[in-house]
N, C-alpha and C. Protein backbone atom coordinates (compact mmCIF):
# COMPACT_ATOMS: atom_id res chain seq x y z
N ASP A 1 0.83 -1.18 0.00
CA ASP A 1 0.00 0.00 0.00
C ASP A 1 0.89 1.25 0.00
N LYS A 2 1.81 1.29 -0.92
CA LYS A 2 2.80 2.37 -0.98
C LYS A 2 2.16 3.73 -1.31
N PHE A 3 1.25 3.75 -2.24
CA PHE A 3 0.64 5.01 -2.68
C PHE A 3 -0.77 5.22 -2.12
N GLY A 4 -1.36 4.20 -1.57
CA GLY A 4 -2.72 4.31 -1.07
C GLY A 4 -3.74 3.96 -2.14
N ARG A 5 -4.96 3.82 -1.73
CA ARG A 5 -6.02 3.43 -2.66
C ARG A 5 -6.64 4.60 -3.40
N ARG A 6 -6.61 5.75 -2.78
CA ARG A 6 -7.27 6.92 -3.38
C ARG A 6 -6.69 7.29 -4.75
N PRO A 7 -5.38 7.41 -4.92
CA PRO A 7 -4.85 7.74 -6.25
C PRO A 7 -5.18 6.67 -7.30
N ALA A 8 -5.14 5.41 -6.88
CA ALA A 8 -5.47 4.33 -7.82
C ALA A 8 -6.93 4.41 -8.24
N PHE A 9 -7.81 4.67 -7.27
CA PHE A 9 -9.22 4.78 -7.59
C PHE A 9 -9.50 5.98 -8.49
N LEU A 10 -8.87 7.11 -8.19
CA LEU A 10 -9.08 8.31 -9.02
C LEU A 10 -8.55 8.11 -10.44
N ALA A 11 -7.43 7.42 -10.57
CA ALA A 11 -6.89 7.13 -11.91
C ALA A 11 -7.85 6.24 -12.69
N CYS A 12 -8.38 5.22 -12.05
CA CYS A 12 -9.33 4.33 -12.74
C CYS A 12 -10.62 5.06 -13.09
N ALA A 13 -11.09 5.92 -12.20
CA ALA A 13 -12.30 6.70 -12.50
C ALA A 13 -12.06 7.65 -13.66
N ALA A 14 -10.87 8.24 -13.73
CA ALA A 14 -10.54 9.13 -14.84
C ALA A 14 -10.48 8.36 -16.16
N ILE A 15 -9.89 7.17 -16.13
CA ILE A 15 -9.81 6.34 -17.34
C ILE A 15 -11.22 5.99 -17.83
N VAL A 16 -12.08 5.58 -16.91
CA VAL A 16 -13.46 5.23 -17.30
C VAL A 16 -14.17 6.45 -17.88
N THR A 17 -14.03 7.59 -17.24
CA THR A 17 -14.72 8.80 -17.70
C THR A 17 -14.25 9.24 -19.08
N ILE A 18 -12.95 9.30 -19.27
CA ILE A 18 -12.39 9.76 -20.55
C ILE A 18 -12.79 8.84 -21.69
N PHE A 19 -12.64 7.54 -21.49
CA PHE A 19 -12.94 6.62 -22.58
C PHE A 19 -14.44 6.38 -22.76
N ALA A 20 -15.24 6.63 -21.72
CA ALA A 20 -16.69 6.56 -21.90
C ALA A 20 -17.16 7.70 -22.79
N PHE A 21 -16.60 8.90 -22.59
CA PHE A 21 -16.92 10.00 -23.49
C PHE A 21 -16.40 9.72 -24.90
N GLY A 22 -15.25 9.06 -24.99
CA GLY A 22 -14.73 8.65 -26.30
C GLY A 22 -15.67 7.68 -26.99
N THR A 23 -16.35 6.84 -26.21
CA THR A 23 -17.33 5.91 -26.76
C THR A 23 -18.46 6.67 -27.43
N CYS A 24 -18.86 7.76 -26.83
CA CYS A 24 -19.95 8.58 -27.40
C CYS A 24 -19.58 9.14 -28.77
N LEU A 25 -18.30 9.37 -28.97
CA LEU A 25 -17.85 9.99 -30.22
C LEU A 25 -17.42 8.97 -31.27
N ALA A 26 -17.51 7.70 -30.95
CA ALA A 26 -17.07 6.66 -31.88
C ALA A 26 -17.92 6.67 -33.15
N ASP A 27 -17.26 6.77 -34.29
CA ASP A 27 -17.98 6.76 -35.56
C ASP A 27 -17.72 5.48 -36.36
N ARG A 28 -16.80 4.69 -35.88
CA ARG A 28 -16.50 3.41 -36.54
C ARG A 28 -16.52 2.32 -35.47
N LEU A 29 -16.80 1.11 -35.90
CA LEU A 29 -16.91 0.00 -34.96
C LEU A 29 -15.58 -0.26 -34.25
N TRP A 30 -14.47 -0.19 -34.94
CA TRP A 30 -13.19 -0.49 -34.29
C TRP A 30 -12.85 0.57 -33.24
N VAL A 31 -13.28 1.82 -33.45
CA VAL A 31 -13.07 2.87 -32.44
C VAL A 31 -13.93 2.57 -31.21
N LEU A 32 -15.17 2.14 -31.44
CA LEU A 32 -16.05 1.77 -30.35
C LEU A 32 -15.45 0.63 -29.53
N VAL A 33 -14.96 -0.39 -30.21
CA VAL A 33 -14.36 -1.54 -29.52
C VAL A 33 -13.13 -1.11 -28.72
N ALA A 34 -12.30 -0.26 -29.29
CA ALA A 34 -11.11 0.22 -28.58
C ALA A 34 -11.49 1.03 -27.34
N MET A 35 -12.46 1.91 -27.49
CA MET A 35 -12.89 2.72 -26.35
C MET A 35 -13.47 1.86 -25.24
N ARG A 36 -14.29 0.90 -25.61
CA ARG A 36 -14.89 0.01 -24.61
C ARG A 36 -13.83 -0.86 -23.93
N PHE A 37 -12.77 -1.23 -24.67
CA PHE A 37 -11.68 -1.99 -24.08
C PHE A 37 -11.04 -1.19 -22.95
N PHE A 38 -10.76 0.08 -23.19
CA PHE A 38 -10.13 0.91 -22.17
C PHE A 38 -11.08 1.24 -21.03
N VAL A 39 -12.37 1.33 -21.31
CA VAL A 39 -13.35 1.49 -20.23
C VAL A 39 -13.29 0.25 -19.33
N GLY A 40 -13.23 -0.91 -19.94
CA GLY A 40 -13.13 -2.15 -19.17
C GLY A 40 -11.85 -2.20 -18.35
N PHE A 41 -10.78 -1.69 -18.90
CA PHE A 41 -9.52 -1.62 -18.17
C PHE A 41 -9.68 -0.73 -16.93
N GLY A 42 -10.34 0.38 -17.08
CA GLY A 42 -10.56 1.28 -15.95
C GLY A 42 -11.53 0.72 -14.92
N VAL A 43 -12.50 -0.06 -15.39
CA VAL A 43 -13.48 -0.66 -14.48
C VAL A 43 -12.80 -1.65 -13.54
N GLY A 44 -11.64 -2.12 -13.93
CA GLY A 44 -10.89 -3.02 -13.05
C GLY A 44 -10.60 -2.39 -11.70
N GLY A 45 -10.57 -1.08 -11.63
CA GLY A 45 -10.35 -0.40 -10.36
C GLY A 45 -11.60 -0.19 -9.54
N SER A 46 -12.73 -0.66 -10.05
CA SER A 46 -13.98 -0.46 -9.30
C SER A 46 -14.04 -1.31 -8.04
N ILE A 47 -13.12 -2.23 -7.89
CA ILE A 47 -13.10 -3.07 -6.70
C ILE A 47 -12.58 -2.29 -5.48
N ILE A 48 -11.88 -1.20 -5.71
CA ILE A 48 -11.28 -0.44 -4.61
C ILE A 48 -12.34 0.10 -3.63
N PRO A 49 -13.40 0.78 -4.09
CA PRO A 49 -14.40 1.22 -3.11
C PRO A 49 -15.13 0.06 -2.46
N TYR A 50 -15.24 -1.06 -3.16
CA TYR A 50 -15.87 -2.25 -2.61
C TYR A 50 -15.09 -2.73 -1.38
N ASP A 51 -13.77 -2.73 -1.49
CA ASP A 51 -12.92 -3.11 -0.35
C ASP A 51 -13.03 -2.13 0.79
N ILE A 52 -13.04 -0.85 0.47
CA ILE A 52 -13.16 0.18 1.51
C ILE A 52 -14.50 0.05 2.22
N PHE A 53 -15.56 -0.19 1.47
CA PHE A 53 -16.89 -0.39 2.05
C PHE A 53 -16.88 -1.60 2.97
N ALA A 54 -16.22 -2.67 2.57
CA ALA A 54 -16.17 -3.88 3.38
C ALA A 54 -15.46 -3.64 4.71
N GLU A 55 -14.47 -2.79 4.71
CA GLU A 55 -13.75 -2.51 5.95
C GLU A 55 -14.60 -1.79 6.98
N PHE A 56 -15.58 -1.02 6.55
CA PHE A 56 -16.41 -0.26 7.47
C PHE A 56 -17.65 -1.02 7.94
N LEU A 57 -17.93 -2.15 7.33
CA LEU A 57 -19.11 -2.93 7.73
C LEU A 57 -18.80 -3.73 8.99
N PRO A 58 -19.80 -3.92 9.83
CA PRO A 58 -19.59 -4.80 10.98
C PRO A 58 -19.33 -6.23 10.50
N THR A 59 -18.45 -6.91 11.14
CA THR A 59 -18.06 -8.26 10.73
C THR A 59 -19.27 -9.18 10.65
N ARG A 60 -20.19 -8.99 11.55
CA ARG A 60 -21.36 -9.86 11.61
C ARG A 60 -22.23 -9.77 10.35
N HIS A 61 -22.33 -8.59 9.74
CA HIS A 61 -23.21 -8.38 8.58
C HIS A 61 -22.44 -8.20 7.27
N ARG A 62 -21.15 -8.32 7.30
CA ARG A 62 -20.32 -8.02 6.13
C ARG A 62 -20.67 -8.91 4.93
N GLY A 63 -20.76 -10.19 5.14
CA GLY A 63 -21.06 -11.11 4.03
C GLY A 63 -22.40 -10.83 3.38
N GLN A 64 -23.41 -10.61 4.21
CA GLN A 64 -24.74 -10.35 3.68
C GLN A 64 -24.77 -9.05 2.88
N GLN A 65 -24.16 -8.00 3.40
CA GLN A 65 -24.16 -6.71 2.71
C GLN A 65 -23.40 -6.77 1.39
N LEU A 66 -22.25 -7.42 1.38
CA LEU A 66 -21.46 -7.51 0.15
C LEU A 66 -22.15 -8.38 -0.89
N LEU A 67 -22.82 -9.43 -0.43
CA LEU A 67 -23.57 -10.27 -1.36
C LEU A 67 -24.74 -9.51 -1.97
N THR A 68 -25.42 -8.71 -1.16
CA THR A 68 -26.52 -7.88 -1.67
C THR A 68 -26.01 -6.89 -2.72
N MET A 69 -24.87 -6.30 -2.44
CA MET A 69 -24.28 -5.37 -3.41
C MET A 69 -23.92 -6.08 -4.72
N SER A 70 -23.44 -7.30 -4.62
CA SER A 70 -23.12 -8.07 -5.82
C SER A 70 -24.35 -8.40 -6.63
N TYR A 71 -25.47 -8.64 -5.97
CA TYR A 71 -26.72 -8.91 -6.69
C TYR A 71 -27.11 -7.72 -7.58
N PHE A 72 -26.88 -6.53 -7.09
CA PHE A 72 -27.23 -5.35 -7.89
C PHE A 72 -26.33 -5.23 -9.11
N TRP A 73 -25.06 -5.62 -8.99
CA TRP A 73 -24.18 -5.63 -10.16
C TRP A 73 -24.71 -6.60 -11.21
N ALA A 74 -25.09 -7.79 -10.77
CA ALA A 74 -25.60 -8.80 -11.70
C ALA A 74 -26.92 -8.35 -12.32
N LEU A 75 -27.80 -7.81 -11.51
CA LEU A 75 -29.08 -7.33 -12.01
C LEU A 75 -28.89 -6.21 -13.03
N GLY A 76 -27.98 -5.30 -12.75
CA GLY A 76 -27.68 -4.22 -13.69
C GLY A 76 -27.15 -4.74 -15.02
N SER A 77 -26.33 -5.77 -14.97
CA SER A 77 -25.81 -6.36 -16.21
C SER A 77 -26.92 -6.98 -17.04
N ILE A 78 -27.87 -7.61 -16.40
CA ILE A 78 -29.00 -8.22 -17.12
C ILE A 78 -29.88 -7.13 -17.72
N ILE A 79 -30.14 -6.07 -16.97
CA ILE A 79 -30.99 -4.99 -17.46
C ILE A 79 -30.36 -4.29 -18.67
N VAL A 80 -29.05 -4.10 -18.66
CA VAL A 80 -28.38 -3.47 -19.80
C VAL A 80 -28.55 -4.30 -21.06
N VAL A 81 -28.38 -5.61 -20.93
CA VAL A 81 -28.56 -6.49 -22.09
C VAL A 81 -30.00 -6.43 -22.59
N PHE A 82 -30.95 -6.39 -21.70
CA PHE A 82 -32.36 -6.31 -22.07
C PHE A 82 -32.64 -5.03 -22.87
N PHE A 83 -32.17 -3.90 -22.38
CA PHE A 83 -32.40 -2.63 -23.09
C PHE A 83 -31.67 -2.60 -24.43
N ALA A 84 -30.49 -3.18 -24.50
CA ALA A 84 -29.78 -3.24 -25.78
C ALA A 84 -30.56 -4.10 -26.77
N TYR A 85 -31.11 -5.21 -26.32
CA TYR A 85 -31.91 -6.07 -27.19
C TYR A 85 -33.14 -5.34 -27.72
N ILE A 86 -33.80 -4.61 -26.84
CA ILE A 86 -34.99 -3.85 -27.27
C ILE A 86 -34.60 -2.77 -28.27
N THR A 87 -33.51 -2.06 -27.99
CA THR A 87 -33.07 -0.97 -28.86
C THR A 87 -32.69 -1.48 -30.24
N ILE A 88 -31.90 -2.53 -30.30
CA ILE A 88 -31.48 -3.07 -31.59
C ILE A 88 -32.67 -3.71 -32.30
N GLY A 89 -33.60 -4.27 -31.53
CA GLY A 89 -34.80 -4.86 -32.11
C GLY A 89 -35.70 -3.82 -32.76
N MET A 90 -35.55 -2.55 -32.36
CA MET A 90 -36.37 -1.48 -32.95
C MET A 90 -35.75 -0.96 -34.23
N GLY A 91 -34.72 -1.63 -34.72
CA GLY A 91 -34.10 -1.21 -35.97
C GLY A 91 -32.99 -0.18 -35.78
N ARG A 92 -32.62 0.07 -34.56
CA ARG A 92 -31.55 1.03 -34.29
C ARG A 92 -30.21 0.31 -34.28
N SER A 93 -29.15 1.08 -34.34
CA SER A 93 -27.82 0.48 -34.32
C SER A 93 -27.09 0.88 -33.06
N TRP A 94 -25.86 0.46 -32.93
CA TRP A 94 -25.06 0.81 -31.76
C TRP A 94 -24.79 2.31 -31.69
N LYS A 95 -24.95 3.01 -32.79
CA LYS A 95 -24.71 4.46 -32.80
C LYS A 95 -25.84 5.22 -32.12
N TRP A 96 -26.97 4.58 -31.87
CA TRP A 96 -28.10 5.27 -31.27
C TRP A 96 -27.78 5.76 -29.87
N PHE A 97 -26.96 4.99 -29.15
CA PHE A 97 -26.62 5.39 -27.78
C PHE A 97 -25.60 6.48 -27.83
């Protein structure tokens, strides 16, 4: 823990923000794929606040709270796929977003 978690988290948040805006400007599929790749790279740092949150939870309820938080991640992933399916099913393309 030489530098601390805060700089690492801020760097990952900046990477996600910059390349997410780059995704909005993508005019070709390969640019979209490249931008999403770097967003995924930045999302790797999303575990940092999860760890910090776990440290502040009471030991007795830690497992239940973290599991509940994980359910929302999974549910969000399913909802995104559902909305993408509906959007593409309406004759729109990936550029609509």
